[in-house]
């Protein structure tokens, strides 16, 4: 079971990711949910990598590919937010 603080942080992380998709990649807000797969957001391979860099910059971190490879099938925004939150928690950023 997660604590309320973790849930709040995850919500904040997800909101930041969603804002990046809307503001920098012109993804329609209505297409963005925690269950949205990265592969279904209309980003080509270059845009997908740019999106990952934008997210990393927003959180001032670099996610190792062994933790998250954006080319991997089945990655949704919730998983991305969880990976970021876990990484922040494990590195103390």
Protein backbone atom coordinates (compact mmCIF):
# COMPACT_ATOMS: atom_id res chain seq x y z
CA UNK A 1 0.00 0.00 0.00
CA UNK A 2 1.33 3.44 -0.89
CA UNK A 3 1.31 6.40 1.41
CA UNK A 4 -0.64 9.56 0.70
CA UNK A 5 2.63 11.41 0.12
CA UNK A 6 3.65 8.89 -2.56
CA UNK A 7 0.26 9.15 -4.20
CA UNK A 8 0.45 12.96 -4.17
CA UNK A 9 3.97 12.90 -5.64
CA UNK A 10 2.89 10.46 -8.34
CA UNK A 11 -0.05 12.69 -9.20
CA UNK A 12 2.27 15.66 -9.47
CA UNK A 13 4.71 13.70 -11.62
CA UNK A 14 1.91 12.54 -13.92
CA UNK A 15 0.58 16.12 -14.23
CA UNK A 16 4.03 17.38 -15.21
CA UNK A 17 4.35 14.64 -17.83
CA UNK A 18 0.89 15.48 -19.20
CA UNK A 19 1.76 19.20 -19.35
CA UNK A 20 4.90 18.42 -21.35
CA UNK A 21 2.91 16.34 -23.83
CA UNK A 22 0.37 19.12 -24.34
CA UNK A 23 2.71 22.12 -24.39
CA UNK A 24 5.73 20.75 -26.25
CA UNK A 25 4.33 17.91 -28.35
CA UNK A 26 0.80 19.16 -29.13
CA UNK A 27 -0.86 16.00 -27.83
CA UNK A 28 -4.56 16.60 -27.19
CA UNK A 29 -5.36 16.76 -23.47
CA UNK A 30 -8.30 14.42 -24.07
CA UNK A 31 -5.89 11.72 -25.33
CA UNK A 32 -3.83 11.78 -22.14
CA UNK A 33 -4.71 9.44 -19.29
CA UNK A 34 -2.53 7.49 -16.85
CA UNK A 35 -3.24 4.41 -18.99
CA UNK A 36 -2.20 6.10 -22.27
CA UNK A 37 0.57 4.10 -23.90
CA UNK A 38 3.56 6.07 -25.13
CA UNK A 39 3.23 4.24 -28.43
CA UNK A 40 -0.34 5.52 -28.88
CA UNK A 41 0.28 9.24 -28.35
CA UNK A 42 1.21 9.95 -31.97
CA UNK A 43 4.92 10.55 -31.34
CA UNK A 44 7.35 9.25 -33.93
CA UNK A 45 10.62 7.71 -32.74
CA UNK A 46 12.49 11.03 -32.74
CA UNK A 47 9.66 12.83 -30.93
CA UNK A 48 9.52 10.01 -28.40
CA UNK A 49 13.20 10.46 -27.59
CA UNK A 50 12.74 14.24 -27.41
CA UNK A 51 9.81 13.67 -25.05
CA UNK A 52 11.95 11.49 -22.77
CA UNK A 53 14.67 14.17 -22.73
CA UNK A 54 12.08 16.85 -21.94
CA UNK A 55 10.73 14.77 -19.05
CA UNK A 56 14.23 14.10 -17.75
CA UNK A 57 15.03 17.82 -17.95
CA UNK A 58 11.81 18.72 -16.13
CA UNK A 59 12.78 16.44 -13.24
CA UNK A 60 16.52 17.15 -13.49
CA UNK A 61 17.46 13.48 -13.87
CA UNK A 62 18.55 10.88 -16.39
CA UNK A 63 16.66 7.61 -16.39
CA UNK A 64 18.89 4.65 -17.29
CA UNK A 65 17.53 2.55 -20.17
CA UNK A 66 17.52 -0.51 -17.91
CA UNK A 67 14.89 1.29 -15.80
CA UNK A 68 12.84 2.55 -18.74
CA UNK A 69 13.35 2.09 -22.46
CA UNK A 70 10.78 4.29 -24.24
CA UNK A 71 10.94 2.01 -27.30
CA UNK A 72 9.62 -0.87 -25.19
CA UNK A 73 6.02 -1.78 -25.93
CA UNK A 74 3.35 -1.34 -23.27
CA UNK A 75 4.76 1.61 -21.33
CA UNK A 76 1.95 3.83 -20.13
CA UNK A 77 2.14 7.25 -18.50
CA UNK A 78 1.43 5.78 -15.07
CA UNK A 79 4.46 3.48 -15.40
CA UNK A 80 6.60 6.40 -16.57
CA UNK A 81 5.50 8.47 -13.55
CA UNK A 82 6.18 5.53 -11.22
CA UNK A 83 9.67 4.98 -12.68
CA UNK A 84 10.46 8.67 -12.20
CA UNK A 85 9.13 8.70 -8.64
CA UNK A 86 11.03 5.51 -7.77
CA UNK A 87 14.22 6.88 -9.32
CA UNK A 88 13.90 10.17 -7.42
CA UNK A 89 13.25 8.31 -4.20
CA UNK A 90 16.20 5.93 -4.69
CA UNK A 91 18.66 8.70 -5.61
CA UNK A 92 17.41 11.22 -3.07
CA UNK A 93 16.93 13.98 -5.67
